[in-house]
Amino acid sequence: MPKIYSNEKRQEIRNQLMLVGLELIKQNGLKRMNIQELTKKVGIAQGTFYNFFSSKEMLVYELADVYQKRTNQQLEKIIQSKGYLERNDLGELYSRMFLKDEDNVYRFITREDLQNLYTRLPRDCFHRMTDIKAEMEQNLLHAREKKENYDLDAVINWIQIMNLTLQNKDILVAAGIAKMILQMIENMLDELFI
């Protein structure tokens, strides 16, 4: 008979699965992260994992979703406190996102992992994951000194190129990746701001 958990305990277990899952992805990569090791570290039965996530791919999706929501909240805080976004606000945000932020699961997955996510996640997950353009448009309503005719598609492509760079870091010169990402952020910002 399966254990029955209170709502608080369920949320605690879910949070632990996400926290430990992210750590295992950082250490081993998504491909070698396995449910057995994860559940053992969290202290639950392996089958109990599936009461929280239908697959490890859904765990990754949830990690990415939580991270994106947190990033949007950070932008909203800046907008609320200053009343606008500046070039350096977005520069700092993207620099942290791509180079420093340990909660960004996309920093730790490979192109192969991403392909597996595309084939194994339900299609509706990708609509939510790809709403970045709508979110960016909303945030840019508050940007100060932005170009009148900026190309949002080019901005989105810069973001995707940075993601691709991190996912393919195994074939790049490691010492140059941070410099390259910072230059891409500047190129992206040049597209947006005067």
Protein backbone atom coordinates (compact mmCIF):
# COMPACT_ATOMS: atom_id res chain seq x y z
CA MET A 1 0.00 0.00 0.00
CA PRO A 2 1.48 3.38 -1.02
CA LYS A 3 2.28 5.97 1.63
CA ILE A 4 -0.11 8.86 1.98
CA TYR A 5 1.62 12.20 2.47
CA SER A 6 0.21 15.47 3.72
CA ASN A 7 0.24 18.36 1.24
CA GLU A 8 3.17 19.89 3.10
CA LYS A 9 5.14 16.64 2.98
CA ARG A 10 4.32 16.20 -0.72
CA GLN A 11 5.65 19.68 -1.44
CA GLU A 12 8.76 18.99 0.64
CA ILE A 13 9.44 15.76 -1.27
CA ARG A 14 8.82 17.46 -4.62
CA ASN A 15 11.24 20.25 -3.73
CA GLN A 16 13.84 17.71 -2.61
CA LEU A 17 13.46 15.72 -5.84
CA MET A 18 14.01 18.91 -7.84
CA LEU A 19 16.97 20.06 -5.74
CA VAL A 20 18.73 16.68 -5.70
CA GLY A 21 17.79 16.03 -9.33
CA LEU A 22 19.48 19.26 -10.41
CA GLU A 23 22.59 18.39 -8.40
CA LEU A 24 22.76 14.94 -10.03
CA ILE A 25 22.36 16.49 -13.49
CA LYS A 26 25.23 18.88 -12.71
CA GLN A 27 27.43 16.03 -11.50
CA ASN A 28 26.57 13.29 -13.98
CA GLY A 29 24.64 14.86 -16.84
CA LEU A 30 21.01 14.14 -17.62
CA LYS A 31 21.74 10.89 -19.46
CA ARG A 32 23.49 9.31 -16.46
CA MET A 33 21.16 10.77 -13.82
CA ASN A 34 18.92 7.90 -12.78
CA ILE A 35 15.74 7.73 -10.78
CA GLN A 36 17.06 5.02 -8.46
CA GLU A 37 19.96 7.16 -7.24
CA LEU A 38 17.72 10.23 -6.99
CA THR A 39 15.05 8.55 -4.89
CA LYS A 40 17.66 6.91 -2.68
CA LYS A 41 19.21 10.31 -1.89
CA VAL A 42 15.75 11.81 -1.20
CA GLY A 43 14.77 8.84 0.96
CA ILE A 44 11.70 7.61 -0.91
CA ALA A 45 10.90 4.43 -2.80
CA GLN A 46 11.80 4.50 -6.49
CA GLY A 47 8.19 4.07 -7.58
CA THR A 48 7.16 7.06 -5.44
CA PHE A 49 9.05 9.35 -7.85
CA TYR A 50 6.31 8.77 -10.41
CA ASN A 51 3.71 10.21 -8.04
CA PHE A 52 5.52 13.52 -8.49
CA PHE A 53 6.89 13.42 -12.07
CA SER A 54 5.92 11.15 -14.94
CA SER A 55 9.56 10.90 -16.09
CA LYS A 56 12.97 12.41 -15.51
CA GLU A 57 12.31 14.55 -18.59
CA MET A 58 9.29 16.05 -16.82
CA LEU A 59 11.54 16.74 -13.83
CA VAL A 60 13.87 18.70 -16.15
CA TYR A 61 10.90 20.52 -17.63
CA GLU A 62 9.73 21.53 -14.14
CA LEU A 63 13.26 22.67 -13.21
CA ALA A 64 13.36 24.84 -16.35
CA ASP A 65 9.86 26.20 -15.72
CA VAL A 66 10.63 27.17 -12.12
CA TYR A 67 13.87 28.82 -13.23
CA GLN A 68 12.10 30.82 -15.98
CA LYS A 69 9.42 32.00 -13.56
CA ARG A 70 12.10 33.10 -11.10
CA THR A 71 13.92 34.99 -13.86
CA ASN A 72 10.69 36.73 -14.87
CA GLN A 73 10.12 37.70 -11.24
CA GLN A 74 13.61 39.22 -11.09
CA LEU A 75 12.80 41.33 -14.15
CA GLU A 76 9.48 42.36 -12.64
CA LYS A 77 11.25 43.45 -9.44
CA ILE A 78 13.63 45.63 -11.42
CA ILE A 79 10.73 47.16 -13.32
CA GLN A 80 8.76 47.76 -10.11
CA SER A 81 11.66 49.36 -8.28
CA LYS A 82 13.01 51.53 -11.13
CA GLY A 83 9.97 51.79 -13.35
CA TYR A 84 11.97 50.61 -16.38
CA LEU A 85 14.66 48.25 -17.66
CA GLU A 86 18.04 49.43 -18.82
CA ARG A 87 20.63 47.80 -21.02
CA ASN A 88 22.82 46.88 -18.06
CA ASP A 89 19.85 45.25 -16.25
CA LEU A 90 19.39 42.78 -19.11
CA GLY A 91 23.14 42.40 -19.54
CA GLU A 92 23.60 41.40 -15.91
CA LEU A 93 20.59 39.09 -16.02
CA TYR A 94 21.77 37.20 -19.11
CA SER A 95 25.37 37.10 -17.94
CA ARG A 96 24.27 35.51 -14.68
CA MET A 97 21.85 33.19 -16.48
CA PHE A 98 24.37 31.79 -18.95
CA LEU A 99 27.58 31.91 -16.94
CA LYS A 100 26.91 31.82 -13.21
CA ASP A 101 23.44 30.71 -12.24
CA GLU A 102 23.61 27.21 -10.79
CA ASP A 103 19.81 26.84 -10.93
CA ASN A 104 19.67 27.12 -14.72
CA VAL A 105 19.31 23.46 -15.73
CA TYR A 106 19.99 24.36 -19.36
CA ARG A 107 23.60 25.16 -18.44
CA PHE A 108 24.11 21.48 -17.61
CA ILE A 109 22.38 19.59 -20.40
CA THR A 110 23.90 18.58 -23.72
CA ARG A 111 22.54 18.75 -27.24
CA GLU A 112 21.80 15.02 -26.96
CA ASP A 113 19.88 15.62 -23.72
CA LEU A 114 17.88 18.36 -25.40
CA GLN A 115 17.05 16.09 -28.32
CA ASN A 116 15.81 13.46 -25.87
CA LEU A 117 13.65 16.07 -24.17
CA TYR A 118 12.13 17.04 -27.52
CA THR A 119 11.23 13.45 -28.30
CA ARG A 120 10.02 12.43 -24.84
CA LEU A 121 8.15 15.45 -23.50
CA PRO A 122 4.50 16.05 -24.38
CA ARG A 123 4.09 18.60 -27.18
CA ASP A 124 2.21 21.08 -24.98
CA CYS A 125 5.34 21.45 -22.82
CA PHE A 126 7.17 23.00 -25.76
CA HIS A 127 4.54 25.64 -26.31
CA ARG A 128 5.07 26.76 -22.73
CA MET A 129 8.85 26.51 -23.04
CA THR A 130 8.89 28.55 -26.25
CA ASP A 131 6.77 31.44 -24.98
CA ILE A 132 10.03 33.31 -24.47
CA LYS A 133 9.18 35.68 -27.32
CA ALA A 134 5.89 36.78 -25.75
CA GLU A 135 7.58 37.20 -22.36
CA MET A 136 10.43 39.19 -23.93
CA GLU A 137 7.98 41.49 -25.74
CA GLN A 138 6.17 42.12 -22.46
CA ASN A 139 9.39 42.93 -20.61
CA LEU A 140 10.65 45.18 -23.41
CA LEU A 141 7.60 47.40 -23.01
CA HIS A 142 9.49 48.72 -19.98
CA ALA A 143 12.91 49.06 -21.61
CA ARG A 144 14.41 52.52 -21.62
CA GLU A 145 16.41 53.79 -24.60
CA LYS A 146 15.51 50.83 -26.78
CA LYS A 147 15.61 51.08 -30.54
CA GLU A 148 12.33 51.84 -32.24
CA ASN A 149 12.75 49.11 -34.84
CA TYR A 150 14.63 46.42 -32.97
CA ASP A 151 14.41 42.91 -34.40
CA LEU A 152 12.94 40.68 -31.68
CA ASP A 153 13.53 37.55 -33.75
CA ALA A 154 17.25 38.39 -33.87
CA VAL A 155 17.23 38.87 -30.08
CA ILE A 156 15.56 35.49 -29.57
CA ASN A 157 18.09 33.92 -31.93
CA TRP A 158 20.96 35.37 -29.89
CA ILE A 159 19.47 33.77 -26.78
CA GLN A 160 19.11 30.45 -28.59
CA ILE A 161 22.68 30.67 -29.90
CA MET A 162 23.89 31.16 -26.33
CA ASN A 163 21.89 28.09 -25.28
CA LEU A 164 23.36 26.12 -28.19
CA THR A 165 26.84 27.24 -27.20
CA LEU A 166 26.40 25.85 -23.70
CA GLN A 167 24.82 22.64 -24.97
CA ASN A 168 27.76 22.11 -27.32
CA LYS A 169 30.53 23.22 -24.97
CA ASP A 170 32.14 19.79 -25.28
CA ILE A 171 33.24 20.64 -28.84
CA LEU A 172 34.39 24.21 -28.05
CA VAL A 173 37.55 25.58 -26.46
CA ALA A 174 36.50 25.78 -22.81
CA ALA A 175 38.71 28.77 -21.95
CA GLY A 176 36.96 30.94 -24.54
CA ILE A 177 33.32 30.14 -23.79
CA ALA A 178 32.70 32.85 -21.17
CA LYS A 179 34.26 35.54 -23.38
CA MET A 180 32.17 34.36 -26.32
CA ILE A 181 28.92 34.37 -24.29
CA LEU A 182 29.64 37.89 -23.01
CA GLN A 183 30.22 39.07 -26.59
CA MET A 184 26.95 37.47 -27.72
CA ILE A 185 25.12 39.24 -24.88
CA GLU A 186 26.59 42.54 -26.08
CA ASN A 187 25.50 41.76 -29.66
CA MET A 188 22.00 40.95 -28.43
CA LEU A 189 21.85 44.18 -26.43
CA ASP A 190 23.14 46.16 -29.43
CA GLU A 191 20.10 44.88 -31.33
CA LEU A 192 17.78 46.20 -28.63
CA PHE A 193 19.26 49.44 -27.33
CA ILE A 194 20.40 52.73 -28.82
